[in-house]
Amino acid sequence: MASVFITGASGFMGRRLAAELAKGGHRVRGLVRHGSEKRVAAGCESVTGDPLDASKYQELVAGFDTLVHLVGVAHPSPAKRQQFRSIDLASAIEAISAATAGGVRHLVYVSVAHPAPIMREYIAARTEAEEAIRKAGLDATILRPWYVVGPGRRWPLAILPIYWLLDALPSTRDSARRLGLVTVEQMMGSMVRAILEPPSGVRVWEVPEIRLTRR
């Protein structure tokens, strides 16, 4: 059985991942901000702390095999470019510090597909976090979805015909596949698989790899 510490355990993906892992009999502890304890999945131990300050939770990480970092700005848009650095990047740096101090063997980080013609500030923040992971020397799995479709996030399904067209054209096929949509089920499957099959070094799963697995 795996032991997994999840930052952002009360969020869109955090709740679902915690539920999947707890259902499988794994030990799960989730970091949430004060007031969000009731949003954590059943079977997941909730702890409160500030994801922007590793010193506030790094002792809670000790003894866990894997840290999954899922803190980030909800519904990213170009208008939130300052928050990409003050929240997304800053929390990732702190998670890396907590994992290192806590002796965690494996870090799972949800980044974003790149390059892309839009959301450059968002991509830049996530790319910097990836580089920080590599510099820390941690074993890590980096997942690069573009957009995760799920409850409350289904509007991109309306543009699926455009993706089909781009995928059919040799000149745009690679971009269409790299920036394609993935489902929350595929993300859950990929993260669980990553946790149960930790790498040696850093591995990156792009959209095509994420689509191979679903729960």
Protein backbone atom coordinates (compact mmCIF):
# COMPACT_ATOMS: atom_id res chain seq x y z
CA MET A 1 0.00 0.00 0.00
CA ALA A 2 1.17 3.51 -0.83
CA SER A 3 1.26 6.45 1.57
CA VAL A 4 0.37 9.70 -0.17
CA PHE A 5 0.35 13.32 0.96
CA ILE A 6 -1.81 15.60 -1.21
CA THR A 7 -1.65 19.39 -1.23
CA GLY A 8 -4.87 20.96 -2.43
CA ALA A 9 -6.85 17.95 -1.20
CA SER A 10 -10.14 19.86 -1.14
CA GLY A 11 -9.96 20.90 -4.79
CA PHE A 12 -11.37 19.60 -8.07
CA MET A 13 -8.72 16.92 -8.55
CA GLY A 14 -7.55 16.59 -4.95
CA ARG A 15 -10.89 15.31 -3.61
CA ARG A 16 -11.21 12.78 -6.40
CA LEU A 17 -7.65 11.51 -6.08
CA ALA A 18 -7.94 11.16 -2.32
CA ALA A 19 -11.17 9.20 -2.74
CA GLU A 20 -9.60 6.87 -5.33
CA LEU A 21 -6.59 6.18 -3.14
CA ALA A 22 -8.60 5.69 0.04
CA LYS A 23 -10.92 3.29 -1.79
CA GLY A 24 -7.86 1.27 -2.77
CA GLY A 25 -6.76 0.98 0.84
CA HIS A 26 -3.86 3.43 0.61
CA ARG A 27 -2.91 5.84 3.37
CA VAL A 28 -3.86 9.38 2.39
CA ARG A 29 -3.29 12.68 4.17
CA GLY A 30 -4.55 15.90 2.61
CA LEU A 31 -3.40 19.46 3.22
CA VAL A 32 -6.19 22.05 3.20
CA ARG A 33 -6.65 25.60 4.36
CA HIS A 34 -8.56 26.25 7.57
CA GLY A 35 -12.29 26.01 6.93
CA SER A 36 -12.02 23.47 4.09
CA GLU A 37 -11.65 20.35 6.24
CA LYS A 38 -15.18 19.14 5.49
CA ARG A 39 -14.50 19.14 1.75
CA VAL A 40 -11.90 16.37 2.02
CA ALA A 41 -12.90 12.92 0.74
CA ALA A 42 -13.95 10.21 3.18
CA GLY A 43 -11.01 8.07 4.20
CA CYS A 44 -8.52 10.91 3.80
CA GLU A 45 -6.94 12.40 6.92
CA SER A 46 -7.17 16.18 6.67
CA VAL A 47 -4.57 18.55 8.07
CA THR A 48 -4.65 22.32 7.90
CA GLY A 49 -1.74 24.44 6.81
CA ASP A 50 -0.52 27.14 4.47
CA PRO A 51 0.65 25.68 1.12
CA LEU A 52 2.70 28.85 0.61
CA ASP A 53 4.86 28.10 3.66
CA ALA A 54 6.56 24.70 3.76
CA SER A 55 7.67 25.22 7.34
CA LYS A 56 4.01 25.04 8.39
CA TYR A 57 3.47 21.53 7.05
CA GLN A 58 6.78 19.82 6.22
CA GLU A 59 6.72 17.84 9.48
CA LEU A 60 3.33 16.44 8.40
CA VAL A 61 4.90 15.11 5.19
CA ALA A 62 7.58 13.02 6.89
CA GLY A 63 7.05 9.28 6.47
CA PHE A 64 5.03 9.50 3.25
CA ASP A 65 6.21 7.84 0.04
CA THR A 66 4.68 10.34 -2.39
CA LEU A 67 3.67 13.99 -2.36
CA VAL A 68 1.11 15.04 -4.96
CA HIS A 69 1.02 18.80 -5.48
CA LEU A 70 -2.34 20.10 -6.69
CA VAL A 71 -2.44 23.68 -5.42
CA GLY A 72 -3.15 26.30 -8.07
CA VAL A 73 -5.41 29.10 -9.21
CA ALA A 74 -8.89 27.86 -10.09
CA HIS A 75 -10.06 28.41 -13.68
CA PRO A 76 -6.80 29.92 -15.04
CA SER A 77 -7.13 32.89 -17.37
CA PRO A 78 -4.75 35.59 -18.67
CA ALA A 79 -6.25 38.00 -16.11
CA LYS A 80 -4.73 35.93 -13.30
CA ARG A 81 -1.11 36.12 -14.45
CA GLN A 82 0.14 37.59 -11.15
CA GLN A 83 -1.49 34.77 -9.21
CA PHE A 84 0.28 32.19 -11.37
CA ARG A 85 3.52 33.29 -9.76
CA SER A 86 2.29 34.17 -6.26
CA ILE A 87 0.21 30.98 -5.86
CA ASP A 88 0.96 28.32 -8.48
CA LEU A 89 4.73 28.75 -8.64
CA ALA A 90 5.22 29.77 -5.02
CA SER A 91 3.25 26.80 -3.68
CA ALA A 92 5.16 24.40 -5.95
CA ILE A 93 8.50 25.71 -4.65
CA GLU A 94 7.27 25.19 -1.09
CA ALA A 95 6.01 21.68 -1.89
CA ILE A 96 9.43 20.78 -3.29
CA SER A 97 11.02 22.08 -0.09
CA ALA A 98 8.58 20.11 2.08
CA ALA A 99 9.16 16.92 0.09
CA THR A 100 12.92 17.30 0.37
CA ALA A 101 12.85 18.05 4.09
CA GLY A 102 10.36 15.25 4.75
CA GLY A 103 12.34 12.61 2.90
CA VAL A 104 9.58 11.97 0.36
CA ARG A 105 10.78 9.63 -2.39
CA HIS A 106 8.45 10.69 -5.20
CA LEU A 107 6.79 13.97 -6.19
CA VAL A 108 3.82 14.07 -8.56
CA TYR A 109 3.29 17.48 -10.16
CA VAL A 110 0.47 18.53 -12.48
CA SER A 111 1.98 21.02 -14.91
CA VAL A 112 0.52 22.10 -18.27
CA ALA A 113 1.09 21.21 -21.91
CA HIS A 114 3.55 23.48 -23.68
CA PRO A 115 4.47 25.28 -25.77
CA ALA A 116 1.17 26.89 -26.67
CA PRO A 117 0.18 30.18 -28.31
CA ILE A 118 -1.87 31.38 -25.29
CA MET A 119 -1.62 31.42 -21.49
CA ARG A 120 2.10 32.17 -21.66
CA GLU A 121 2.37 33.41 -18.07
CA TYR A 122 0.64 30.28 -16.79
CA ILE A 123 2.94 28.04 -18.81
CA ALA A 124 5.99 30.02 -17.66
CA ALA A 125 5.11 29.55 -13.99
CA ARG A 126 4.54 25.81 -14.41
CA THR A 127 7.72 25.43 -16.44
CA GLU A 128 9.74 27.14 -13.71
CA ALA A 129 8.25 24.71 -11.20
CA GLU A 130 9.33 21.79 -13.38
CA GLU A 131 12.88 23.14 -13.46
CA ALA A 132 12.87 23.52 -9.68
CA ILE A 133 11.87 19.86 -9.35
CA ARG A 134 14.79 18.81 -11.53
CA LYS A 135 17.24 21.01 -9.62
CA ALA A 136 16.07 19.49 -6.32
CA GLY A 137 17.07 16.03 -7.56
CA LEU A 138 13.74 14.46 -6.63
CA ASP A 139 12.27 11.43 -8.35
CA ALA A 140 9.18 12.90 -9.96
CA THR A 141 6.31 12.39 -12.33
CA ILE A 142 5.24 15.52 -14.22
CA LEU A 143 1.86 15.40 -15.94
CA ARG A 144 1.14 17.95 -18.67
CA PRO A 145 -2.58 18.16 -19.46
CA TRP A 146 -3.94 21.13 -21.39
CA TYR A 147 -7.54 21.20 -20.19
CA VAL A 148 -9.19 18.67 -17.86
CA VAL A 149 -12.85 18.01 -18.68
CA GLY A 150 -15.17 17.05 -15.84
CA PRO A 151 -18.23 18.18 -13.85
CA GLY A 152 -18.54 21.95 -14.24
CA ARG A 153 -15.80 21.93 -16.88
CA ARG A 154 -17.51 20.63 -20.00
CA TRP A 155 -17.60 23.69 -22.27
CA PRO A 156 -14.53 22.56 -24.30
CA LEU A 157 -16.52 19.58 -25.55
CA ALA A 158 -18.25 22.04 -27.89
CA ILE A 159 -15.01 22.52 -29.83
CA LEU A 160 -14.22 18.83 -30.24
CA PRO A 161 -14.95 19.01 -34.02
CA ILE A 162 -12.12 21.54 -34.32
CA TYR A 163 -9.75 19.12 -32.56
CA TRP A 164 -10.82 16.32 -34.92
CA LEU A 165 -10.10 18.53 -37.92
CA LEU A 166 -6.68 19.60 -36.61
CA ASP A 167 -5.81 16.00 -35.77
CA ALA A 168 -6.66 14.96 -39.33
CA LEU A 169 -4.22 17.45 -40.87
CA PRO A 170 -0.53 16.41 -40.86
CA SER A 171 0.62 19.99 -40.32
CA THR A 172 -1.37 20.43 -37.09
CA ARG A 173 -1.62 16.85 -35.81
CA ASP A 174 1.20 17.04 -33.26
CA SER A 175 -0.13 20.26 -31.71
CA ALA A 176 -3.70 18.95 -31.62
CA ARG A 177 -2.60 15.85 -29.73
CA ARG A 178 -0.25 17.66 -27.36
CA LEU A 179 -2.89 20.32 -26.55
CA GLY A 180 -5.84 17.94 -26.57
CA LEU A 181 -8.49 17.54 -23.90
CA VAL A 182 -8.26 14.91 -21.17
CA THR A 183 -10.99 13.76 -18.81
CA VAL A 184 -10.79 13.91 -15.04
CA GLU A 185 -11.06 10.12 -15.09
CA GLN A 186 -7.94 9.91 -17.26
CA MET A 187 -6.13 12.25 -14.87
CA MET A 188 -7.12 10.13 -11.88
CA GLY A 189 -5.96 6.98 -13.62
CA SER A 190 -2.64 8.55 -14.55
CA MET A 191 -1.96 9.89 -11.08
CA VAL A 192 -2.82 6.62 -9.37
CA ARG A 193 -0.62 4.77 -11.85
CA ALA A 194 2.20 7.25 -11.25
CA ILE A 195 1.93 6.76 -7.49
CA LEU A 196 1.94 2.98 -7.70
CA GLU A 197 4.76 2.89 -10.29
CA PRO A 198 7.24 5.54 -9.12
CA PRO A 199 10.12 6.34 -11.47
CA SER A 200 13.82 6.68 -10.98
CA GLY A 201 14.56 10.24 -12.01
CA VAL A 202 12.07 12.58 -13.66
CA ARG A 203 9.49 11.37 -16.18
CA VAL A 204 7.00 13.49 -18.10
CA TRP A 205 3.59 12.35 -19.31
CA GLU A 206 2.03 14.46 -22.04
CA VAL A 207 -1.62 14.33 -23.14
CA PRO A 208 -1.22 11.14 -25.24
CA GLU A 209 0.23 9.27 -22.24
CA ILE A 210 -2.42 10.63 -19.87
CA ARG A 211 -5.16 9.44 -22.22
CA LEU A 212 -3.91 5.86 -21.99
CA THR A 213 -5.20 5.42 -18.45
CA ARG A 214 -8.59 5.97 -16.84
CA ARG A 215 -10.28 4.69 -13.70
